[in-house]
Amino acid sequence: MKDLEKQMVDYDFNVVGKIVVQESPNKEELEKAKELGKILSK
């Protein structure tokens, strides 16, 4: 994931947050996704 983040920054993307989910999200990942959604909606 760190390689992908670096690649996106190299392409001049603004990486706002990070979340990695395999299969279906657990409770902690869902909370993190909600927080990221709030940041992205501003």
PDB file of N, CA and C in Angstrom:
ATOM      1  N   MET A   1       0.830  -1.196   0.000  1.00  0.00           N
ATOM      2  CA  MET A   1       0.000   0.000   0.000  1.00  0.00           C
ATOM      3  C   MET A   1       0.872   1.256   0.000  1.00  0.00           C
ATOM      4  N   LYS A   2       1.985   1.187   0.694  1.00  0.00           N
ATOM      5  CA  LYS A   2       2.880   2.350   0.726  1.00  0.00           C
ATOM      6  C   LYS A   2       3.420   2.670  -0.661  1.00  0.00           C
ATOM      7  N   ASP A   3       3.680   1.632  -1.453  1.00  0.00           N
ATOM      8  CA  ASP A   3       4.162   1.852  -2.818  1.00  0.00           C
ATOM      9  C   ASP A   3       3.099   2.554  -3.655  1.00  0.00           C
ATOM     10  N   LEU A   4       1.849   2.130  -3.506  1.00  0.00           N
ATOM     11  CA  LEU A   4       0.753   2.751  -4.253  1.00  0.00           C
ATOM     12  C   LEU A   4       0.589   4.212  -3.837  1.00  0.00           C
ATOM     13  N   GLU A   5       0.688   4.487  -2.545  1.00  0.00           N
ATOM     14  CA  GLU A   5       0.573   5.874  -2.071  1.00  0.00           C
ATOM     15  C   GLU A   5       1.682   6.738  -2.672  1.00  0.00           C
ATOM     16  N   LYS A   6       2.903   6.229  -2.667  1.00  0.00           N
ATOM     17  CA  LYS A   6       4.027   6.989  -3.239  1.00  0.00           C
ATOM     18  C   LYS A   6       3.810   7.225  -4.729  1.00  0.00           C
ATOM     19  N   GLN A   7       3.319   6.205  -5.420  1.00  0.00           N
ATOM     20  CA  GLN A   7       3.069   6.341  -6.852  1.00  0.00           C
ATOM     21  C   GLN A   7       2.015   7.412  -7.123  1.00  0.00           C
ATOM     22  N   MET A   8       0.960   7.449  -6.345  1.00  0.00           N
ATOM     23  CA  MET A   8      -0.093   8.448  -6.532  1.00  0.00           C
ATOM     24  C   MET A   8       0.443   9.855  -6.267  1.00  0.00           C
ATOM     25  N   VAL A   9       1.258  10.002  -5.239  1.00  0.00           N
ATOM     26  CA  VAL A   9       1.871  11.307  -4.949  1.00  0.00           C
ATOM     27  C   VAL A   9       2.785  11.718  -6.099  1.00  0.00           C
ATOM     28  N   ASP A  10       3.527  10.738  -6.638  1.00  0.00           N
ATOM     29  CA  ASP A  10       4.395  11.026  -7.788  1.00  0.00           C
ATOM     30  C   ASP A  10       3.598  11.499  -9.001  1.00  0.00           C
ATOM     31  N   TYR A  11       2.338  11.038  -9.123  1.00  0.00           N
ATOM     32  CA  TYR A  11       1.458  11.468 -10.212  1.00  0.00           C
ATOM     33  C   TYR A  11       0.691  12.744  -9.860  1.00  0.00           C
ATOM     34  N   ASP A  12       1.085  13.405  -8.779  1.00  0.00           N
ATOM     35  CA  ASP A  12       0.483  14.664  -8.316  1.00  0.00           C
ATOM     36  C   ASP A  12      -0.931  14.508  -7.773  1.00  0.00           C
ATOM     37  N   PHE A  13      -1.270  13.320  -7.270  1.00  0.00           N
ATOM     38  CA  PHE A  13      -2.539  13.144  -6.568  1.00  0.00           C
ATOM     39  C   PHE A  13      -2.360  13.581  -5.125  1.00  0.00           C
ATOM     40  N   ASN A  14      -3.413  14.075  -4.520  1.00  0.00           N
ATOM     41  CA  ASN A  14      -3.401  14.450  -3.117  1.00  0.00           C
ATOM     42  C   ASN A  14      -3.971  13.282  -2.314  1.00  0.00           C
ATOM     43  N   VAL A  15      -3.113  12.559  -1.599  1.00  0.00           N
ATOM     44  CA  VAL A  15      -3.559  11.426  -0.787  1.00  0.00           C
ATOM     45  C   VAL A  15      -4.062  11.976   0.541  1.00  0.00           C
ATOM     46  N   VAL A  16      -5.370  11.866   0.754  1.00  0.00           N
ATOM     47  CA  VAL A  16      -6.018  12.476   1.919  1.00  0.00           C
ATOM     48  C   VAL A  16      -6.022  11.537   3.116  1.00  0.00           C
ATOM     49  N   GLY A  17      -6.253  10.280   2.893  1.00  0.00           N
ATOM     50  CA  GLY A  17      -6.307   9.309   3.977  1.00  0.00           C
ATOM     51  C   GLY A  17      -6.053   7.919   3.432  1.00  0.00           C
ATOM     52  N   LYS A  18      -5.942   6.984   4.350  1.00  0.00           N
ATOM     53  CA  LYS A  18      -5.663   5.614   3.925  1.00  0.00           C
ATOM     54  C   LYS A  18      -6.597   4.658   4.651  1.00  0.00           C
ATOM     55  N   ILE A  19      -7.112   3.713   3.906  1.00  0.00           N
ATOM     56  CA  ILE A  19      -7.872   2.618   4.503  1.00  0.00           C
ATOM     57  C   ILE A  19      -7.732   1.415   3.586  1.00  0.00           C
ATOM     58  N   VAL A  20      -7.407   0.274   4.185  1.00  0.00           N
ATOM     59  CA  VAL A  20      -7.252  -0.965   3.443  1.00  0.00           C
ATOM     60  C   VAL A  20      -8.198  -1.981   4.065  1.00  0.00           C
ATOM     61  N   VAL A  21      -9.050  -2.569   3.227  1.00  0.00           N
ATOM     62  CA  VAL A  21     -10.025  -3.546   3.705  1.00  0.00           C
ATOM     63  C   VAL A  21      -9.922  -4.789   2.830  1.00  0.00           C
ATOM     64  N   GLN A  22      -9.818  -5.940   3.477  1.00  0.00           N
ATOM     65  CA  GLN A  22      -9.801  -7.208   2.754  1.00  0.00           C
ATOM     66  C   GLN A  22     -11.130  -7.903   3.003  1.00  0.00           C
ATOM     67  N   GLU A  23     -11.776  -8.325   1.914  1.00  0.00           N
ATOM     68  CA  GLU A  23     -13.095  -8.964   1.990  1.00  0.00           C
ATOM     69  C   GLU A  23     -14.150  -7.962   2.465  1.00  0.00           C
ATOM     70  N   SER A  24     -14.580  -8.043   3.720  1.00  0.00           N
ATOM     71  CA  SER A  24     -15.573  -7.092   4.238  1.00  0.00           C
ATOM     72  C   SER A  24     -14.980  -6.387   5.456  1.00  0.00           C
ATOM     73  N   PRO A  25     -15.349  -5.124   5.660  1.00  0.00           N
ATOM     74  CA  PRO A  25     -14.745  -4.336   6.745  1.00  0.00           C
ATOM     75  C   PRO A  25     -15.221  -4.788   8.123  1.00  0.00           C
ATOM     76  N   ASN A  26     -14.305  -4.683   9.094  1.00  0.00           N
ATOM     77  CA  ASN A  26     -14.687  -4.933  10.479  1.00  0.00           C
ATOM     78  C   ASN A  26     -15.135  -3.607  11.101  1.00  0.00           C
ATOM     79  N   LYS A  27     -15.489  -3.617  12.342  1.00  0.00           N
ATOM     80  CA  LYS A  27     -16.029  -2.425  13.004  1.00  0.00           C
ATOM     81  C   LYS A  27     -15.028  -1.262  12.981  1.00  0.00           C
ATOM     82  N   GLU A  28     -13.771  -1.557  13.258  1.00  0.00           N
ATOM     83  CA  GLU A  28     -12.732  -0.513  13.266  1.00  0.00           C
ATOM     84  C   GLU A  28     -12.557   0.097  11.877  1.00  0.00           C
ATOM     85  N   GLU A  29     -12.563  -0.743  10.853  1.00  0.00           N
ATOM     86  CA  GLU A  29     -12.404  -0.251   9.481  1.00  0.00           C
ATOM     87  C   GLU A  29     -13.609   0.580   9.051  1.00  0.00           C
ATOM     88  N   LEU A  30     -14.804   0.198   9.491  1.00  0.00           N
ATOM     89  CA  LEU A  30     -15.996   0.989   9.181  1.00  0.00           C
ATOM     90  C   LEU A  30     -15.922   2.372   9.814  1.00  0.00           C
ATOM     91  N   GLU A  31     -15.459   2.441  11.045  1.00  0.00           N
ATOM     92  CA  GLU A  31     -15.302   3.742  11.714  1.00  0.00           C
ATOM     93  C   GLU A  31     -14.284   4.601  10.985  1.00  0.00           C
ATOM     94  N   LYS A  32     -13.185   3.985  10.578  1.00  0.00           N
ATOM     95  CA  LYS A  32     -12.151   4.706   9.846  1.00  0.00           C
ATOM     96  C   LYS A  32     -12.701   5.224   8.514  1.00  0.00           C
ATOM     97  N   ALA A  33     -13.525   4.419   7.850  1.00  0.00           N
ATOM     98  CA  ALA A  33     -14.138   4.826   6.581  1.00  0.00           C
ATOM     99  C   ALA A  33     -15.089   6.001   6.793  1.00  0.00           C
ATOM    100  N   LYS A  34     -15.837   5.983   7.875  1.00  0.00           N
ATOM    101  CA  LYS A  34     -16.742   7.103   8.174  1.00  0.00           C
ATOM    102  C   LYS A  34     -15.963   8.388   8.406  1.00  0.00           C
ATOM    103  N   GLU A  35     -14.857   8.287   9.158  1.00  0.00           N
ATOM    104  CA  GLU A  35     -14.011   9.466   9.405  1.00  0.00           C
ATOM    105  C   GLU A  35     -13.438   9.998   8.097  1.00  0.00           C
ATOM    106  N   LEU A  36     -12.978   9.102   7.239  1.00  0.00           N
ATOM    107  CA  LEU A  36     -12.423   9.515   5.950  1.00  0.00           C
ATOM    108  C   LEU A  36     -13.501  10.166   5.088  1.00  0.00           C
ATOM    109  N   GLY A  37     -14.707   9.623   5.130  1.00  0.00           N
ATOM    110  CA  GLY A  37     -15.824  10.204   4.384  1.00  0.00           C
ATOM    111  C   GLY A  37     -16.114  11.626   4.819  1.00  0.00           C
ATOM    112  N   LYS A  38     -16.046  11.881   6.130  1.00  0.00           N
ATOM    113  CA  LYS A  38     -16.269  13.242   6.644  1.00  0.00           C
ATOM    114  C   LYS A  38     -15.209  14.189   6.135  1.00  0.00           C
ATOM    115  N   ILE A  39     -13.963  13.730   6.107  1.00  0.00           N
ATOM    116  CA  ILE A  39     -12.863  14.563   5.607  1.00  0.00           C
ATOM    117  C   ILE A  39     -13.064  14.858   4.125  1.00  0.00           C
ATOM    118  N   LEU A  40     -13.440  13.847   3.355  1.00  0.00           N
ATOM    119  CA  LEU A  40     -13.591  14.011   1.909  1.00  0.00           C
ATOM    120  C   LEU A  40     -14.790  14.870   1.537  1.00  0.00           C
ATOM    121  N   SER A  41     -15.785  14.935   2.398  1.00  0.00           N
ATOM    122  CA  SER A  41     -16.993  15.698   2.062  1.00  0.00           C
ATOM    123  C   SER A  41     -16.844  17.195   2.333  1.00  0.00           C
ATOM    124  N   LYS A  42     -15.748  17.596   2.930  1.00  0.00           N
ATOM    125  CA  LYS A  42     -15.527  19.024   3.211  1.00  0.00           C
ATOM    126  C   LYS A  42     -15.069  19.764   1.985  1.00  0.00           C
TER     127      LYS A  42
END
